[in-house]
Amino acid sequence: HELKVGTDSADEVATDTCVIDLLVSIAKAAAESARAQLIFEPYPSIVDPDNPRKFLYSPDAKNFDLVRKVFSAFPSFADLMQVDSGLQLKRRLQERHSHGFLVLQWVISSNRSHIVRLSVERHLPSMRTPHQFL
């Protein structure tokens, strides 16, 4: 399955849902950690779409409570897989928290690694899980 994460049909990007779920889970766990100050890096740098001179999130003014609130408002990925377009995804996330879509875009764009889901034939039987990535 793929999740549409572009802002409109002109720049839609389809990304494997399992990979996005993994990235969001890792970011959420880091933000909720007692060590968030150390491990939630990089901290988001997100400009307010309604006021481009203002940052909603800035590494210079970290607000972990706000980040935690946004992540806790995310719908389940099973729910997000039901969307048909990037616009629908944006609406669904913004219904839960006005910054939801912006934070999802940040999670995906700030990923400094290349993560792919392994095909079934490449799974390691010793791992005993269908959720295997490289």
C-alpha atoms as a PDB file:
ATOM      1  CA  HIS A   1       0.000   0.000   0.000  1.00  0.00           C
ATOM      2  CA  GLU A   2       1.076   3.549  -0.604  1.00  0.00           C
ATOM      3  CA  LEU A   3       0.127   6.744   1.168  1.00  0.00           C
ATOM      4  CA  LYS A   4      -0.218   9.984  -0.746  1.00  0.00           C
ATOM      5  CA  VAL A   5       1.766  12.667   1.073  1.00  0.00           C
ATOM      6  CA  GLY A   6       1.968  15.515  -1.465  1.00  0.00           C
ATOM      7  CA  THR A   7       0.080  18.731  -0.866  1.00  0.00           C
ATOM      8  CA  ASP A   8      -1.901  18.519  -4.100  1.00  0.00           C
ATOM      9  CA  SER A   9      -2.220  16.389  -7.219  1.00  0.00           C
ATOM     10  CA  ALA A  10       0.588  18.282  -8.959  1.00  0.00           C
ATOM     11  CA  ASP A  11       3.235  17.238  -6.470  1.00  0.00           C
ATOM     12  CA  GLU A  12       1.814  14.068  -4.925  1.00  0.00           C
ATOM     13  CA  VAL A  13       4.357  11.618  -3.665  1.00  0.00           C
ATOM     14  CA  ALA A  14       3.373   8.037  -2.979  1.00  0.00           C
ATOM     15  CA  THR A  15       5.302   6.401  -0.180  1.00  0.00           C
ATOM     16  CA  ASP A  16       5.049   2.897   1.241  1.00  0.00           C
ATOM     17  CA  THR A  17       2.622   3.053   4.157  1.00  0.00           C
ATOM     18  CA  CYS A  18       4.594   0.586   6.291  1.00  0.00           C
ATOM     19  CA  VAL A  19       7.714   2.747   6.000  1.00  0.00           C
ATOM     20  CA  ILE A  20       5.775   5.882   6.963  1.00  0.00           C
ATOM     21  CA  ASP A  21       4.195   4.022   9.881  1.00  0.00           C
ATOM     22  CA  LEU A  22       7.686   3.000  11.040  1.00  0.00           C
ATOM     23  CA  LEU A  23       9.060   6.557  10.709  1.00  0.00           C
ATOM     24  CA  VAL A  24       6.103   8.075  12.591  1.00  0.00           C
ATOM     25  CA  SER A  25       6.353   5.411  15.303  1.00  0.00           C
ATOM     26  CA  ILE A  26      10.063   6.121  15.789  1.00  0.00           C
ATOM     27  CA  ALA A  27       9.515   9.895  15.862  1.00  0.00           C
ATOM     28  CA  LYS A  28       6.587   9.552  18.262  1.00  0.00           C
ATOM     29  CA  ALA A  29       8.569   7.283  20.600  1.00  0.00           C
ATOM     30  CA  ALA A  30      11.491   9.738  20.572  1.00  0.00           C
ATOM     31  CA  ALA A  31       9.188  12.699  21.305  1.00  0.00           C
ATOM     32  CA  GLU A  32       7.498  10.830  24.177  1.00  0.00           C
ATOM     33  CA  SER A  33      10.778   9.712  25.721  1.00  0.00           C
ATOM     34  CA  ALA A  34      12.052  11.254  28.935  1.00  0.00           C
ATOM     35  CA  ARG A  35      15.212  11.849  26.884  1.00  0.00           C
ATOM     36  CA  ALA A  36      13.371  13.686  24.076  1.00  0.00           C
ATOM     37  CA  GLN A  37      15.671  16.681  24.461  1.00  0.00           C
ATOM     38  CA  LEU A  38      18.574  14.440  23.410  1.00  0.00           C
ATOM     39  CA  ILE A  39      17.070  11.948  20.970  1.00  0.00           C
ATOM     40  CA  PHE A  40      14.296  13.797  19.116  1.00  0.00           C
ATOM     41  CA  GLU A  41      16.706  15.146  16.511  1.00  0.00           C
ATOM     42  CA  PRO A  42      16.411  16.928  14.293  1.00  0.00           C
ATOM     43  CA  TYR A  43      13.665  18.958  15.949  1.00  0.00           C
ATOM     44  CA  PRO A  44      11.097  20.140  13.371  1.00  0.00           C
ATOM     45  CA  SER A  45      11.554  23.432  11.603  1.00  0.00           C
ATOM     46  CA  ILE A  46       8.086  24.145  10.208  1.00  0.00           C
ATOM     47  CA  VAL A  47       6.912  27.524   8.932  1.00  0.00           C
ATOM     48  CA  ASP A  48       3.348  28.627   9.596  1.00  0.00           C
ATOM     49  CA  PRO A  49       1.541  28.325   6.233  1.00  0.00           C
ATOM     50  CA  ASP A  50      -0.685  31.265   7.189  1.00  0.00           C
ATOM     51  CA  ASN A  51       2.240  33.489   8.206  1.00  0.00           C
ATOM     52  CA  PRO A  52       5.522  32.646   6.436  1.00  0.00           C
ATOM     53  CA  ARG A  53       7.428  34.936   8.824  1.00  0.00           C
ATOM     54  CA  LYS A  54       6.500  32.761  11.815  1.00  0.00           C
ATOM     55  CA  PHE A  55       7.677  29.274  12.758  1.00  0.00           C
ATOM     56  CA  LEU A  56       5.169  26.830  14.229  1.00  0.00           C
ATOM     57  CA  TYR A  57       8.094  24.610  15.234  1.00  0.00           C
ATOM     58  CA  SER A  58      11.664  25.757  15.642  1.00  0.00           C
ATOM     59  CA  PRO A  59      14.821  24.120  16.999  1.00  0.00           C
ATOM     60  CA  ASP A  60      15.432  27.460  18.755  1.00  0.00           C
ATOM     61  CA  ALA A  61      12.177  27.156  20.748  1.00  0.00           C
ATOM     62  CA  LYS A  62      11.490  23.441  21.242  1.00  0.00           C
ATOM     63  CA  ASN A  63       7.976  22.593  22.428  1.00  0.00           C
ATOM     64  CA  PHE A  64       7.845  18.848  23.071  1.00  0.00           C
ATOM     65  CA  ASP A  65       4.364  19.045  24.589  1.00  0.00           C
ATOM     66  CA  LEU A  66       3.009  20.367  21.281  1.00  0.00           C
ATOM     67  CA  VAL A  67       4.835  17.695  19.276  1.00  0.00           C
ATOM     68  CA  ARG A  68       3.475  14.979  21.592  1.00  0.00           C
ATOM     69  CA  LYS A  69      -0.042  16.408  21.263  1.00  0.00           C
ATOM     70  CA  VAL A  70       0.156  16.280  17.446  1.00  0.00           C
ATOM     71  CA  PHE A  71       1.487  12.706  17.403  1.00  0.00           C
ATOM     72  CA  SER A  72      -1.178  11.552  19.869  1.00  0.00           C
ATOM     73  CA  ALA A  73      -3.849  12.987  17.550  1.00  0.00           C
ATOM     74  CA  PHE A  74      -2.647  10.989  14.529  1.00  0.00           C
ATOM     75  CA  PRO A  75      -5.269   8.500  13.349  1.00  0.00           C
ATOM     76  CA  SER A  76      -4.234   4.880  12.971  1.00  0.00           C
ATOM     77  CA  PHE A  77      -2.392   3.975   9.814  1.00  0.00           C
ATOM     78  CA  ALA A  78      -5.130   1.453   9.036  1.00  0.00           C
ATOM     79  CA  ASP A  79      -7.465   4.470   8.925  1.00  0.00           C
ATOM     80  CA  LEU A  80      -5.035   6.532   6.832  1.00  0.00           C
ATOM     81  CA  MET A  81      -4.727   3.717   4.272  1.00  0.00           C
ATOM     82  CA  GLN A  82      -8.383   4.303   3.407  1.00  0.00           C
ATOM     83  CA  VAL A  83      -7.711   7.722   1.850  1.00  0.00           C
ATOM     84  CA  ASP A  84      -7.815   8.083  -1.917  1.00  0.00           C
ATOM     85  CA  SER A  85      -5.831  11.286  -2.373  1.00  0.00           C
ATOM     86  CA  GLY A  86      -3.335  13.632  -0.810  1.00  0.00           C
ATOM     87  CA  LEU A  87      -6.112  16.134  -0.195  1.00  0.00           C
ATOM     88  CA  GLN A  88      -8.167  13.538   1.673  1.00  0.00           C
ATOM     89  CA  LEU A  89      -5.115  12.607   3.748  1.00  0.00           C
ATOM     90  CA  LYS A  90      -4.466  16.254   4.590  1.00  0.00           C
ATOM     91  CA  ARG A  91      -8.095  16.753   5.657  1.00  0.00           C
ATOM     92  CA  ARG A  92      -8.123  13.606   7.782  1.00  0.00           C
ATOM     93  CA  LEU A  93      -4.960  14.627   9.629  1.00  0.00           C
ATOM     94  CA  GLN A  94      -6.065  18.249  10.063  1.00  0.00           C
ATOM     95  CA  GLU A  95      -9.409  17.123  11.493  1.00  0.00           C
ATOM     96  CA  ARG A  96      -7.458  15.572  14.372  1.00  0.00           C
ATOM     97  CA  HIS A  97      -4.904  18.403  14.785  1.00  0.00           C
ATOM     98  CA  SER A  98      -4.333  21.475  12.624  1.00  0.00           C
ATOM     99  CA  HIS A  99      -0.593  20.686  12.414  1.00  0.00           C
ATOM    100  CA  GLY A 100      -1.014  16.956  11.677  1.00  0.00           C
ATOM    101  CA  PHE A 101      -0.262  17.056   7.961  1.00  0.00           C
ATOM    102  CA  LEU A 102       2.650  19.466   8.421  1.00  0.00           C
ATOM    103  CA  VAL A 103       4.247  17.170  11.000  1.00  0.00           C
ATOM    104  CA  LEU A 104       3.728  14.109   8.783  1.00  0.00           C
ATOM    105  CA  GLN A 105       5.440  15.909   5.895  1.00  0.00           C
ATOM    106  CA  TRP A 106       8.294  16.850   8.225  1.00  0.00           C
ATOM    107  CA  VAL A 107       8.711  13.247   9.440  1.00  0.00           C
ATOM    108  CA  ILE A 108       8.996  12.008   5.867  1.00  0.00           C
ATOM    109  CA  SER A 109      11.224  14.802   4.573  1.00  0.00           C
ATOM    110  CA  SER A 110      13.582  14.745   7.565  1.00  0.00           C
ATOM    111  CA  ASN A 111      14.253  11.021   7.205  1.00  0.00           C
ATOM    112  CA  ARG A 112      18.000  10.745   6.629  1.00  0.00           C
ATOM    113  CA  SER A 113      17.966   7.100   5.662  1.00  0.00           C
ATOM    114  CA  HIS A 114      16.586   5.004   2.862  1.00  0.00           C
ATOM    115  CA  ILE A 115      14.186   2.492   4.379  1.00  0.00           C
ATOM    116  CA  VAL A 116      12.392  -0.113   2.310  1.00  0.00           C
ATOM    117  CA  ARG A 117      10.154  -2.969   3.309  1.00  0.00           C
ATOM    118  CA  LEU A 118      11.689  -6.350   2.530  1.00  0.00           C
ATOM    119  CA  SER A 119       9.811  -8.627   0.159  1.00  0.00           C
ATOM    120  CA  VAL A 120       8.535 -11.850   1.712  1.00  0.00           C
ATOM    121  CA  GLU A 121      11.177 -13.943  -0.033  1.00  0.00           C
ATOM    122  CA  ARG A 122      13.916 -11.847   1.642  1.00  0.00           C
ATOM    123  CA  HIS A 123      12.480 -12.115   5.174  1.00  0.00           C
ATOM    124  CA  LEU A 124      14.687 -13.628   7.841  1.00  0.00           C
ATOM    125  CA  PRO A 125      12.741 -16.522   9.407  1.00  0.00           C
ATOM    126  CA  SER A 126      14.541 -15.969  12.713  1.00  0.00           C
ATOM    127  CA  MET A 127      12.941 -12.520  13.013  1.00  0.00           C
ATOM    128  CA  ARG A 128       9.429 -14.052  13.320  1.00  0.00           C
ATOM    129  CA  THR A 129       7.628 -10.940  12.078  1.00  0.00           C
ATOM    130  CA  PRO A 130       6.185  -9.851   8.746  1.00  0.00           C
ATOM    131  CA  HIS A 131       7.442  -6.307   9.473  1.00  0.00           C
ATOM    132  CA  GLN A 132      11.002  -6.406   8.148  1.00  0.00           C
ATOM    133  CA  PHE A 133      12.879  -3.451   6.688  1.00  0.00           C
ATOM    134  CA  LEU A 134      16.267  -2.695   5.219  1.00  0.00           C
END
